[in-house]
Amino acid sequence: MNGSRAIETKATVQAQIHNFANLKAQCYFKLADYVNTAKISCYADIPINIKNLLIEDLEQIKAKDIDKDGKLRVIGKDEIKESLGRSPDVGDAIMMRMVGELKNPYKPYLAL
């Protein structure tokens, strides 16, 4: 459920910041970080039609309300559908792959 609350990571808990509007935004920003730092890429032999769909989907993702001092957001799926003329299913699948990267075994110590 990409509209759910963002995942608390060790870094966000220690800094006491929760700056993502939802899980979708958190995953897309993490995906952008992985792409920009070459931590993720596509196989060379991926079918060209899938690669083109992925490129089209990810090109449509943009930060929303970047001039405001609020939580980080990305534009909604309805805006992307309108722009693409279809649902960005391939991009969403890659975005949700980042959930595994965000989750970690960190649990705060609770004294009882």
PDB file of N, CA and C in Angstrom:
ATOM      1  N   MET A   1       0.839  -1.159   0.000  1.00  0.00           N
ATOM      2  CA  MET A   1       0.000   0.000   0.000  1.00  0.00           C
ATOM      3  C   MET A   1       0.895   1.237   0.000  1.00  0.00           C
ATOM      4  N   ASN A   2       1.116   1.792  -1.180  1.00  0.00           N
ATOM      5  CA  ASN A   2       2.069   2.887  -1.293  1.00  0.00           C
ATOM      6  C   ASN A   2       1.566   4.205  -0.719  1.00  0.00           C
ATOM      7  N   GLY A   3       0.316   4.298  -0.365  1.00  0.00           N
ATOM      8  CA  GLY A   3      -0.205   5.508   0.259  1.00  0.00           C
ATOM      9  C   GLY A   3      -0.088   5.476   1.765  1.00  0.00           C
ATOM     10  N   SER A   4       0.451   4.393   2.290  1.00  0.00           N
ATOM     11  CA  SER A   4       0.570   4.273   3.736  1.00  0.00           C
ATOM     12  C   SER A   4       1.688   5.150   4.274  1.00  0.00           C
ATOM     13  N   ARG A   5       1.832   5.148   5.564  1.00  0.00           N
ATOM     14  CA  ARG A   5       2.829   5.980   6.239  1.00  0.00           C
ATOM     15  C   ARG A   5       4.241   5.562   5.828  1.00  0.00           C
ATOM     16  N   ALA A   6       5.147   6.514   5.759  1.00  0.00           N
ATOM     17  CA  ALA A   6       6.539   6.234   5.415  1.00  0.00           C
ATOM     18  C   ALA A   6       7.170   5.332   6.468  1.00  0.00           C
ATOM     19  N   ILE A   7       8.145   4.561   6.055  1.00  0.00           N
ATOM     20  CA  ILE A   7       8.831   3.629   6.945  1.00  0.00           C
ATOM     21  C   ILE A   7       9.853   4.394   7.783  1.00  0.00           C
ATOM     22  N   GLU A   8       9.865   4.125   9.075  1.00  0.00           N
ATOM     23  CA  GLU A   8      10.863   4.732   9.932  1.00  0.00           C
ATOM     24  C   GLU A   8      12.144   3.918   9.816  1.00  0.00           C
ATOM     25  N   THR A   9      13.200   4.571   9.371  1.00  0.00           N
ATOM     26  CA  THR A   9      14.497   3.915   9.278  1.00  0.00           C
ATOM     27  C   THR A   9      15.338   4.336  10.470  1.00  0.00           C
ATOM     28  N   LYS A  10      16.456   3.702  10.653  1.00  0.00           N
ATOM     29  CA  LYS A  10      17.345   4.030  11.767  1.00  0.00           C
ATOM     30  C   LYS A  10      17.741   5.507  11.720  1.00  0.00           C
ATOM     31  N   ALA A  11      18.031   5.998  10.520  1.00  0.00           N
ATOM     32  CA  ALA A  11      18.450   7.400  10.369  1.00  0.00           C
ATOM     33  C   ALA A  11      17.330   8.369  10.742  1.00  0.00           C
ATOM     34  N   THR A  12      16.094   8.078  10.331  1.00  0.00           N
ATOM     35  CA  THR A  12      14.995   8.998  10.630  1.00  0.00           C
ATOM     36  C   THR A  12      14.624   8.962  12.109  1.00  0.00           C
ATOM     37  N   VAL A  13      14.749   7.804  12.731  1.00  0.00           N
ATOM     38  CA  VAL A  13      14.437   7.707  14.163  1.00  0.00           C
ATOM     39  C   VAL A  13      15.470   8.470  14.980  1.00  0.00           C
ATOM     40  N   GLN A  14      16.739   8.295  14.652  1.00  0.00           N
ATOM     41  CA  GLN A  14      17.792   8.981  15.402  1.00  0.00           C
ATOM     42  C   GLN A  14      17.712  10.497  15.221  1.00  0.00           C
ATOM     43  N   ALA A  15      17.384  10.942  14.018  1.00  0.00           N
ATOM     44  CA  ALA A  15      17.303  12.384  13.764  1.00  0.00           C
ATOM     45  C   ALA A  15      15.942  12.952  14.131  1.00  0.00           C
ATOM     46  N   GLN A  16      15.000  12.085  14.480  1.00  0.00           N
ATOM     47  CA  GLN A  16      13.636  12.465  14.814  1.00  0.00           C
ATOM     48  C   GLN A  16      12.995  13.283  13.695  1.00  0.00           C
ATOM     49  N   ILE A  17      13.192  12.828  12.451  1.00  0.00           N
ATOM     50  CA  ILE A  17      12.555  13.474  11.297  1.00  0.00           C
ATOM     51  C   ILE A  17      11.727  12.457  10.542  1.00  0.00           C
ATOM     52  N   HIS A  18      10.646  12.903  10.061  1.00  0.00           N
ATOM     53  CA  HIS A  18       9.761  12.073   9.250  1.00  0.00           C
ATOM     54  C   HIS A  18       9.315  12.967   8.105  1.00  0.00           C
ATOM     55  N   ASN A  19      10.131  13.064   7.082  1.00  0.00           N
ATOM     56  CA  ASN A  19       9.904  14.085   6.074  1.00  0.00           C
ATOM     57  C   ASN A  19       9.290  13.587   4.779  1.00  0.00           C
ATOM     58  N   PHE A  20       8.701  12.406   4.760  1.00  0.00           N
ATOM     59  CA  PHE A  20       8.031  11.914   3.562  1.00  0.00           C
ATOM     60  C   PHE A  20       6.528  11.873   3.799  1.00  0.00           C
ATOM     61  N   ALA A  21       5.777  12.297   2.801  1.00  0.00           N
ATOM     62  CA  ALA A  21       4.323  12.339   2.933  1.00  0.00           C
ATOM     63  C   ALA A  21       3.738  10.938   3.045  1.00  0.00           C
ATOM     64  N   ASN A  22       4.326   9.984   2.326  1.00  0.00           N
ATOM     65  CA  ASN A  22       3.825   8.610   2.355  1.00  0.00           C
ATOM     66  C   ASN A  22       4.918   7.657   1.863  1.00  0.00           C
ATOM     67  N   LEU A  23       4.603   6.386   1.851  1.00  0.00           N
ATOM     68  CA  LEU A  23       5.560   5.357   1.438  1.00  0.00           C
ATOM     69  C   LEU A  23       5.942   5.506  -0.024  1.00  0.00           C
ATOM     70  N   LYS A  24       5.008   5.890  -0.857  1.00  0.00           N
ATOM     71  CA  LYS A  24       5.291   6.072  -2.284  1.00  0.00           C
ATOM     72  C   LYS A  24       6.377   7.122  -2.493  1.00  0.00           C
ATOM     73  N   ALA A  25       6.247   8.256  -1.857  1.00  0.00           N
ATOM     74  CA  ALA A  25       7.245   9.321  -1.988  1.00  0.00           C
ATOM     75  C   ALA A  25       8.596   8.854  -1.469  1.00  0.00           C
ATOM     76  N   GLN A  26       8.594   8.178  -0.332  1.00  0.00           N
ATOM     77  CA  GLN A  26       9.837   7.692   0.246  1.00  0.00           C
ATOM     78  C   GLN A  26      10.532   6.714  -0.703  1.00  0.00           C
ATOM     79  N   CYS A  27       9.763   5.814  -1.301  1.00  0.00           N
ATOM     80  CA  CYS A  27      10.336   4.830  -2.220  1.00  0.00           C
ATOM     81  C   CYS A  27      10.863   5.483  -3.498  1.00  0.00           C
ATOM     82  N   TYR A  28      10.138   6.455  -4.045  1.00  0.00           N
ATOM     83  CA  TYR A  28      10.611   7.121  -5.255  1.00  0.00           C
ATOM     84  C   TYR A  28      11.878   7.927  -4.989  1.00  0.00           C
ATOM     85  N   PHE A  29      11.977   8.585  -3.848  1.00  0.00           N
ATOM     86  CA  PHE A  29      13.197   9.323  -3.535  1.00  0.00           C
ATOM     87  C   PHE A  29      14.362   8.360  -3.318  1.00  0.00           C
ATOM     88  N   LYS A  30      14.102   7.206  -2.707  1.00  0.00           N
ATOM     89  CA  LYS A  30      15.149   6.199  -2.520  1.00  0.00           C
ATOM     90  C   LYS A  30      15.583   5.640  -3.876  1.00  0.00           C
ATOM     91  N   LEU A  31      14.622   5.391  -4.761  1.00  0.00           N
ATOM     92  CA  LEU A  31      14.937   4.903  -6.108  1.00  0.00           C
ATOM     93  C   LEU A  31      15.786   5.930  -6.855  1.00  0.00           C
ATOM     94  N   ALA A  32      15.446   7.187  -6.763  1.00  0.00           N
ATOM     95  CA  ALA A  32      16.227   8.241  -7.419  1.00  0.00           C
ATOM     96  C   ALA A  32      17.653   8.262  -6.887  1.00  0.00           C
ATOM     97  N   ASP A  33      17.803   8.096  -5.581  1.00  0.00           N
ATOM     98  CA  ASP A  33      19.132   8.046  -4.986  1.00  0.00           C
ATOM     99  C   ASP A  33      19.922   6.858  -5.525  1.00  0.00           C
ATOM    100  N   TYR A  34      19.288   5.689  -5.623  1.00  0.00           N
ATOM    101  CA  TYR A  34      19.959   4.492  -6.125  1.00  0.00           C
ATOM    102  C   TYR A  34      20.348   4.646  -7.594  1.00  0.00           C
ATOM    103  N   VAL A  35      19.491   5.244  -8.393  1.00  0.00           N
ATOM    104  CA  VAL A  35      19.806   5.450  -9.805  1.00  0.00           C
ATOM    105  C   VAL A  35      20.965   6.425  -9.945  1.00  0.00           C
ATOM    106  N   ASN A  36      20.916   7.530  -9.216  1.00  0.00           N
ATOM    107  CA  ASN A  36      21.950   8.559  -9.310  1.00  0.00           C
ATOM    108  C   ASN A  36      23.314   8.102  -8.809  1.00  0.00           C
ATOM    109  N   THR A  37      23.333   7.162  -7.878  1.00  0.00           N
ATOM    110  CA  THR A  37      24.600   6.652  -7.350  1.00  0.00           C
ATOM    111  C   THR A  37      24.986   5.314  -7.966  1.00  0.00           C
ATOM    112  N   ALA A  38      24.278   4.909  -9.012  1.00  0.00           N
ATOM    113  CA  ALA A  38      24.551   3.663  -9.752  1.00  0.00           C
ATOM    114  C   ALA A  38      24.492   2.418  -8.868  1.00  0.00           C
ATOM    115  N   LYS A  39      23.583   2.420  -7.903  1.00  0.00           N
ATOM    116  CA  LYS A  39      23.375   1.246  -7.069  1.00  0.00           C
ATOM    117  C   LYS A  39      22.342   0.303  -7.685  1.00  0.00           C
ATOM    118  N   ILE A  40      21.654   0.765  -8.723  1.00  0.00           N
ATOM    119  CA  ILE A  40      20.640  -0.043  -9.386  1.00  0.00           C
ATOM    120  C   ILE A  40      20.699   0.258 -10.879  1.00  0.00           C
ATOM    121  N   SER A  41      20.462  -0.760 -11.677  1.00  0.00           N
ATOM    122  CA  SER A  41      20.444  -0.581 -13.134  1.00  0.00           C
ATOM    123  C   SER A  41      19.646  -1.727 -13.747  1.00  0.00           C
ATOM    124  N   CYS A  42      19.497  -1.700 -15.065  1.00  0.00           N
ATOM    125  CA  CYS A  42      18.783  -2.749 -15.790  1.00  0.00           C
ATOM    126  C   CYS A  42      19.772  -3.659 -16.486  1.00  0.00           C
ATOM    127  N   TYR A  43      19.388  -4.902 -16.637  1.00  0.00           N
ATOM    128  CA  TYR A  43      20.198  -5.816 -17.435  1.00  0.00           C
ATOM    129  C   TYR A  43      20.240  -5.329 -18.875  1.00  0.00           C
ATOM    130  N   ALA A  44      21.330  -5.595 -19.552  1.00  0.00           N
ATOM    131  CA  ALA A  44      21.486  -5.165 -20.947  1.00  0.00           C
ATOM    132  C   ALA A  44      20.512  -5.895 -21.869  1.00  0.00           C
ATOM    133  N   ASP A  45      20.130  -7.119 -21.515  1.00  0.00           N
ATOM    134  CA  ASP A  45      19.270  -7.912 -22.397  1.00  0.00           C
ATOM    135  C   ASP A  45      17.782  -7.837 -22.050  1.00  0.00           C
ATOM    136  N   ILE A  46      17.389  -6.826 -21.284  1.00  0.00           N
ATOM    137  CA  ILE A  46      15.968  -6.634 -20.980  1.00  0.00           C
ATOM    138  C   ILE A  46      15.234  -6.311 -22.284  1.00  0.00           C
ATOM    139  N   PRO A  47      14.038  -6.859 -22.493  1.00  0.00           N
ATOM    140  CA  PRO A  47      13.298  -6.551 -23.728  1.00  0.00           C
ATOM    141  C   PRO A  47      13.110  -5.044 -23.895  1.00  0.00           C
ATOM    142  N   ILE A  48      13.324  -4.568 -25.092  1.00  0.00           N
ATOM    143  CA  ILE A  48      13.312  -3.129 -25.365  1.00  0.00           C
ATOM    144  C   ILE A  48      11.968  -2.489 -25.040  1.00  0.00           C
ATOM    145  N   ASN A  49      10.867  -3.226 -25.248  1.00  0.00           N
ATOM    146  CA  ASN A  49       9.556  -2.639 -24.948  1.00  0.00           C
ATOM    147  C   ASN A  49       9.374  -2.418 -23.441  1.00  0.00           C
ATOM    148  N   ILE A  50       9.884  -3.321 -22.623  1.00  0.00           N
ATOM    149  CA  ILE A  50       9.808  -3.158 -21.169  1.00  0.00           C
ATOM    150  C   ILE A  50      10.724  -2.008 -20.734  1.00  0.00           C
ATOM    151  N   LYS A  51      11.904  -1.961 -21.307  1.00  0.00           N
ATOM    152  CA  LYS A  51      12.845  -0.882 -20.970  1.00  0.00           C
ATOM    153  C   LYS A  51      12.257   0.479 -21.327  1.00  0.00           C
ATOM    154  N   ASN A  52      11.617   0.578 -22.480  1.00  0.00           N
ATOM    155  CA  ASN A  52      11.002   1.845 -22.887  1.00  0.00           C
ATOM    156  C   ASN A  52       9.845   2.234 -21.972  1.00  0.00           C
ATOM    157  N   LEU A  53       9.028   1.247 -21.566  1.00  0.00           N
ATOM    158  CA  LEU A  53       7.938   1.531 -20.620  1.00  0.00           C
ATOM    159  C   LEU A  53       8.491   2.054 -19.296  1.00  0.00           C
ATOM    160  N   LEU A  54       9.555   1.414 -18.834  1.00  0.00           N
ATOM    161  CA  LEU A  54      10.171   1.826 -17.576  1.00  0.00           C
ATOM    162  C   LEU A  54      10.708   3.250 -17.671  1.00  0.00           C
ATOM    163  N   ILE A  55      11.392   3.551 -18.744  1.00  0.00           N
ATOM    164  CA  ILE A  55      11.943   4.899 -18.936  1.00  0.00           C
ATOM    165  C   ILE A  55      10.823   5.925 -18.991  1.00  0.00           C
ATOM    166  N   GLU A  56       9.765   5.629 -19.752  1.00  0.00           N
ATOM    167  CA  GLU A  56       8.631   6.559 -19.852  1.00  0.00           C
ATOM    168  C   GLU A  56       7.994   6.792 -18.486  1.00  0.00           C
ATOM    169  N   ASP A  57       7.801   5.708 -17.732  1.00  0.00           N
ATOM    170  CA  ASP A  57       7.168   5.821 -16.419  1.00  0.00           C
ATOM    171  C   ASP A  57       8.001   6.672 -15.472  1.00  0.00           C
ATOM    172  N   LEU A  58       9.295   6.390 -15.401  1.00  0.00           N
ATOM    173  CA  LEU A  58      10.142   7.087 -14.438  1.00  0.00           C
ATOM    174  C   LEU A  58      10.424   8.528 -14.834  1.00  0.00           C
ATOM    175  N   GLU A  59      10.344   8.836 -16.124  1.00  0.00           N
ATOM    176  CA  GLU A  59      10.523  10.226 -16.549  1.00  0.00           C
ATOM    177  C   GLU A  59       9.387  11.124 -16.068  1.00  0.00           C
ATOM    178  N   GLN A  60       8.246  10.554 -15.773  1.00  0.00           N
ATOM    179  CA  GLN A  60       7.081  11.332 -15.356  1.00  0.00           C
ATOM    180  C   GLN A  60       7.079  11.670 -13.870  1.00  0.00           C
ATOM    181  N   ILE A  61       7.906  11.012 -13.091  1.00  0.00           N
ATOM    182  CA  ILE A  61       7.917  11.225 -11.647  1.00  0.00           C
ATOM    183  C   ILE A  61       8.614  12.544 -11.330  1.00  0.00           C
ATOM    184  N   LYS A  62       7.914  13.370 -10.597  1.00  0.00           N
ATOM    185  CA  LYS A  62       8.452  14.679 -10.217  1.00  0.00           C
ATOM    186  C   LYS A  62       8.049  14.982  -8.778  1.00  0.00           C
ATOM    187  N   ALA A  63       8.882  15.740  -8.114  1.00  0.00           N
ATOM    188  CA  ALA A  63       8.556  16.174  -6.754  1.00  0.00           C
ATOM    189  C   ALA A  63       7.408  17.181  -6.834  1.00  0.00           C
ATOM    190  N   LYS A  64       6.571  17.151  -5.832  1.00  0.00           N
ATOM    191  CA  LYS A  64       5.407  18.041  -5.782  1.00  0.00           C
ATOM    192  C   LYS A  64       5.595  19.054  -4.655  1.00  0.00           C
ATOM    193  N   ASP A  65       5.227  20.290  -4.915  1.00  0.00           N
ATOM    194  CA  ASP A  65       5.296  21.363  -3.908  1.00  0.00           C
ATOM    195  C   ASP A  65       6.702  21.515  -3.323  1.00  0.00           C
ATOM    196  N   ILE A  66       7.706  21.549  -4.198  1.00  0.00           N
ATOM    197  CA  ILE A  66       9.084  21.623  -3.710  1.00  0.00           C
ATOM    198  C   ILE A  66       9.421  22.978  -3.095  1.00  0.00           C
ATOM    199  N   ASP A  67       8.635  23.986  -3.411  1.00  0.00           N
ATOM    200  CA  ASP A  67       8.901  25.318  -2.861  1.00  0.00           C
ATOM    201  C   ASP A  67       8.302  25.514  -1.473  1.00  0.00           C
ATOM    202  N   LYS A  68       7.527  24.559  -1.006  1.00  0.00           N
ATOM    203  CA  LYS A  68       6.912  24.658   0.312  1.00  0.00           C
ATOM    204  C   LYS A  68       7.754  23.905   1.339  1.00  0.00           C
ATOM    205  N   ASP A  69       7.693  24.356   2.571  1.00  0.00           N
ATOM    206  CA  ASP A  69       8.417  23.700   3.657  1.00  0.00           C
ATOM    207  C   ASP A  69       7.531  22.635   4.287  1.00  0.00           C
ATOM    208  N   GLY A  70       7.350  21.564   3.575  1.00  0.00           N
ATOM    209  CA  GLY A  70       6.523  20.487   4.086  1.00  0.00           C
ATOM    210  C   GLY A  70       7.182  19.154   3.814  1.00  0.00           C
ATOM    211  N   LYS A  71       6.412  18.124   3.967  1.00  0.00           N
ATOM    212  CA  LYS A  71       6.925  16.791   3.715  1.00  0.00           C
ATOM    213  C   LYS A  71       7.152  16.587   2.221  1.00  0.00           C
ATOM    214  N   LEU A  72       8.121  15.734   1.895  1.00  0.00           N
ATOM    215  CA  LEU A  72       8.438  15.453   0.499  1.00  0.00           C
ATOM    216  C   LEU A  72       7.323  14.640  -0.143  1.00  0.00           C
ATOM    217  N   ARG A  73       6.891  15.077  -1.316  1.00  0.00           N
ATOM    218  CA  ARG A  73       5.800  14.426  -2.042  1.00  0.00           C
ATOM    219  C   ARG A  73       6.206  14.241  -3.497  1.00  0.00           C
ATOM    220  N   VAL A  74       5.512  13.335  -4.170  1.00  0.00           N
ATOM    221  CA  VAL A  74       5.640  13.198  -5.619  1.00  0.00           C
ATOM    222  C   VAL A  74       4.258  13.412  -6.225  1.00  0.00           C
ATOM    223  N   ILE A  75       4.232  13.744  -7.508  1.00  0.00           N
ATOM    224  CA  ILE A  75       2.936  13.994  -8.152  1.00  0.00           C
ATOM    225  C   ILE A  75       2.096  12.728  -8.119  1.00  0.00           C
ATOM    226  N   GLY A  76       0.794  12.898  -8.180  1.00  0.00           N
ATOM    227  CA  GLY A  76      -0.132  11.779  -8.058  1.00  0.00           C
ATOM    228  C   GLY A  76      -0.207  10.917  -9.303  1.00  0.00           C
ATOM    229  N   LYS A  77      -0.696   9.715  -9.106  1.00  0.00           N
ATOM    230  CA  LYS A  77      -0.813   8.760 -10.206  1.00  0.00           C
ATOM    231  C   LYS A  77      -1.789   9.243 -11.273  1.00  0.00           C
ATOM    232  N   ASP A  78      -2.814   9.979 -10.866  1.00  0.00           N
ATOM    233  CA  ASP A  78      -3.774  10.484 -11.834  1.00  0.00           C
ATOM    234  C   ASP A  78      -3.123  11.459 -12.811  1.00  0.00           C
ATOM    235  N   GLU A  79      -2.204  12.295 -12.330  1.00  0.00           N
ATOM    236  CA  GLU A  79      -1.473  13.211 -13.210  1.00  0.00           C
ATOM    237  C   GLU A  79      -0.552  12.446 -14.162  1.00  0.00           C
ATOM    238  N   ILE A  80       0.051  11.396 -13.661  1.00  0.00           N
ATOM    239  CA  ILE A  80       0.936  10.578 -14.493  1.00  0.00           C
ATOM    240  C   ILE A  80       0.124   9.847 -15.558  1.00  0.00           C
ATOM    241  N   LYS A  81      -1.026   9.298 -15.165  1.00  0.00           N
ATOM    242  CA  LYS A  81      -1.896   8.618 -16.132  1.00  0.00           C
ATOM    243  C   LYS A  81      -2.330   9.566 -17.239  1.00  0.00           C
ATOM    244  N   GLU A  82      -2.672  10.778 -16.860  1.00  0.00           N
ATOM    245  CA  GLU A  82      -3.107  11.768 -17.836  1.00  0.00           C
ATOM    246  C   GLU A  82      -1.972  12.105 -18.811  1.00  0.00           C
ATOM    247  N   SER A  83      -0.778  12.221 -18.293  1.00  0.00           N
ATOM    248  CA  SER A  83       0.377  12.558 -19.120  1.00  0.00           C
ATOM    249  C   SER A  83       0.786  11.403 -20.037  1.00  0.00           C
ATOM    250  N   LEU A  84       0.791  10.189 -19.503  1.00  0.00           N
ATOM    251  CA  LEU A  84       1.217   9.013 -20.271  1.00  0.00           C
ATOM    252  C   LEU A  84       0.111   8.442 -21.155  1.00  0.00           C
ATOM    253  N   GLY A  85      -1.123   8.586 -20.719  1.00  0.00           N
ATOM    254  CA  GLY A  85      -2.227   7.948 -21.418  1.00  0.00           C
ATOM    255  C   GLY A  85      -2.418   6.501 -20.998  1.00  0.00           C
ATOM    256  N   ARG A  86      -1.724   6.101 -19.929  1.00  0.00           N
ATOM    257  CA  ARG A  86      -1.834   4.740 -19.390  1.00  0.00           C
ATOM    258  C   ARG A  86      -1.342   4.766 -17.946  1.00  0.00           C
ATOM    259  N   SER A  87      -1.520   3.661 -17.282  1.00  0.00           N
ATOM    260  CA  SER A  87      -1.070   3.555 -15.900  1.00  0.00           C
ATOM    261  C   SER A  87       0.432   3.246 -15.858  1.00  0.00           C
ATOM    262  N   PRO A  88       1.168   3.844 -14.942  1.00  0.00           N
ATOM    263  CA  PRO A  88       2.614   3.612 -14.853  1.00  0.00           C
ATOM    264  C   PRO A  88       2.961   2.361 -14.044  1.00  0.00           C
ATOM    265  N   ASP A  89       2.460   1.211 -14.468  1.00  0.00           N
ATOM    266  CA  ASP A  89       2.612  -0.022 -13.703  1.00  0.00           C
ATOM    267  C   ASP A  89       4.054  -0.494 -13.579  1.00  0.00           C
ATOM    268  N   VAL A  90       4.843  -0.359 -14.637  1.00  0.00           N
ATOM    269  CA  VAL A  90       6.234  -0.822 -14.588  1.00  0.00           C
ATOM    270  C   VAL A  90       7.041   0.046 -13.622  1.00  0.00           C
ATOM    271  N   GLY A  91       6.856   1.349 -13.694  1.00  0.00           N
ATOM    272  CA  GLY A  91       7.542   2.256 -12.775  1.00  0.00           C
ATOM    273  C   GLY A  91       7.135   2.025 -11.329  1.00  0.00           C
ATOM    274  N   ASP A  92       5.857   1.754 -11.105  1.00  0.00           N
ATOM    275  CA  ASP A  92       5.376   1.488  -9.752  1.00  0.00           C
ATOM    276  C   ASP A  92       5.986   0.206  -9.182  1.00  0.00           C
ATOM    277  N   ALA A  93       6.168  -0.803 -10.027  1.00  0.00           N
ATOM    278  CA  ALA A  93       6.766  -2.061  -9.569  1.00  0.00           C
ATOM    279  C   ALA A  93       8.213  -1.844  -9.120  1.00  0.00           C
ATOM    280  N   ILE A  94       8.962  -1.069  -9.895  1.00  0.00           N
ATOM    281  CA  ILE A  94      10.346  -0.780  -9.524  1.00  0.00           C
ATOM    282  C   ILE A  94      10.384   0.080  -8.257  1.00  0.00           C
ATOM    283  N   MET A  95       9.455   1.022  -8.147  1.00  0.00           N
ATOM    284  CA  MET A  95       9.393   1.872  -6.966  1.00  0.00           C
ATOM    285  C   MET A  95       9.135   1.038  -5.712  1.00  0.00           C
ATOM    286  N   MET A  96       8.223   0.098  -5.782  1.00  0.00           N
ATOM    287  CA  MET A  96       7.899  -0.717  -4.615  1.00  0.00           C
ATOM    288  C   MET A  96       9.032  -1.671  -4.249  1.00  0.00           C
ATOM    289  N   ARG A  97       9.953  -1.902  -5.162  1.00  0.00           N
ATOM    290  CA  ARG A  97      11.136  -2.707  -4.881  1.00  0.00           C
ATOM    291  C   ARG A  97      11.981  -2.053  -3.777  1.00  0.00           C
ATOM    292  N   MET A  98      11.854  -0.762  -3.635  1.00  0.00           N
ATOM    293  CA  MET A  98      12.640  -0.021  -2.649  1.00  0.00           C
ATOM    294  C   MET A  98      12.177  -0.259  -1.215  1.00  0.00           C
ATOM    295  N   VAL A  99      10.988  -0.839  -1.036  1.00  0.00           N
ATOM    296  CA  VAL A  99      10.504  -1.124   0.322  1.00  0.00           C
ATOM    297  C   VAL A  99      11.499  -2.030   1.044  1.00  0.00           C
ATOM    298  N   GLY A 100      12.009  -3.027   0.335  1.00  0.00           N
ATOM    299  CA  GLY A 100      12.997  -3.926   0.927  1.00  0.00           C
ATOM    300  C   GLY A 100      14.280  -3.224   1.315  1.00  0.00           C
ATOM    301  N   GLU A 101      14.626  -2.184   0.600  1.00  0.00           N
ATOM    302  CA  GLU A 101      15.826  -1.411   0.914  1.00  0.00           C
ATOM    303  C   GLU A 101      15.606  -0.502   2.121  1.00  0.00           C
ATOM    304  N   LEU A 102      14.374  -0.081   2.326  1.00  0.00           N
ATOM    305  CA  LEU A 102      14.070   0.831   3.432  1.00  0.00           C
ATOM    306  C   LEU A 102      13.904   0.106   4.766  1.00  0.00           C
ATOM    307  N   LYS A 103      13.356  -1.084   4.694  1.00  0.00           N
ATOM    308  CA  LYS A 103      13.129  -1.823   5.936  1.00  0.00           C
ATOM    309  C   LYS A 103      14.457  -2.324   6.471  1.00  0.00           C
ATOM    310  N   ASN A 104      14.612  -2.237   7.755  1.00  0.00           N
ATOM    311  CA  ASN A 104      15.811  -2.772   8.382  1.00  0.00           C
ATOM    312  C   ASN A 104      15.425  -3.357   9.733  1.00  0.00           C
ATOM    313  N   PRO A 105      16.283  -4.156  10.296  1.00  0.00           N
ATOM    314  CA  PRO A 105      15.929  -4.809  11.553  1.00  0.00           C
ATOM    315  C   PRO A 105      16.032  -3.908  12.776  1.00  0.00           C
ATOM    316  N   TYR A 106      16.300  -2.617  12.582  1.00  0.00           N
ATOM    317  CA  TYR A 106      16.451  -1.704  13.700  1.00  0.00           C
ATOM    318  C   TYR A 106      15.147  -1.566  14.471  1.00  0.00           C
ATOM    319  N   LYS A 107      15.233  -1.778  15.761  1.00  0.00           N
ATOM    320  CA  LYS A 107      14.078  -1.560  16.651  1.00  0.00           C
ATOM    321  C   LYS A 107      14.588  -0.817  17.870  1.00  0.00           C
ATOM    322  N   PRO A 108      13.977   0.282  18.197  1.00  0.00           N
ATOM    323  CA  PRO A 108      14.428   1.044  19.361  1.00  0.00           C
ATOM    324  C   PRO A 108      14.320   0.213  20.636  1.00  0.00           C
ATOM    325  N   TYR A 109      15.230   0.411  21.540  1.00  0.00           N
ATOM    326  CA  TYR A 109      15.202  -0.273  22.815  1.00  0.00           C
ATOM    327  C   TYR A 109      14.140   0.374  23.698  1.00  0.00           C
ATOM    328  N   LEU A 110      13.263  -0.433  24.205  1.00  0.00           N
ATOM    329  CA  LEU A 110      12.215   0.063  25.092  1.00  0.00           C
ATOM    330  C   LEU A 110      12.419  -0.533  26.471  1.00  0.00           C
ATOM    331  N   ALA A 111      12.692   0.286  27.437  1.00  0.00           N
ATOM    332  CA  ALA A 111      12.838  -0.186  28.808  1.00  0.00           C
ATOM    333  C   ALA A 111      11.471  -0.303  29.438  1.00  0.00           C
ATOM    334  N   LEU A 112      11.215  -1.422  30.037  1.00  0.00           N
ATOM    335  CA  LEU A 112       9.900  -1.617  30.656  1.00  0.00           C
ATOM    336  C   LEU A 112       9.942  -1.460  32.152  1.00  0.00           C
TER     337      LEU A 112
END
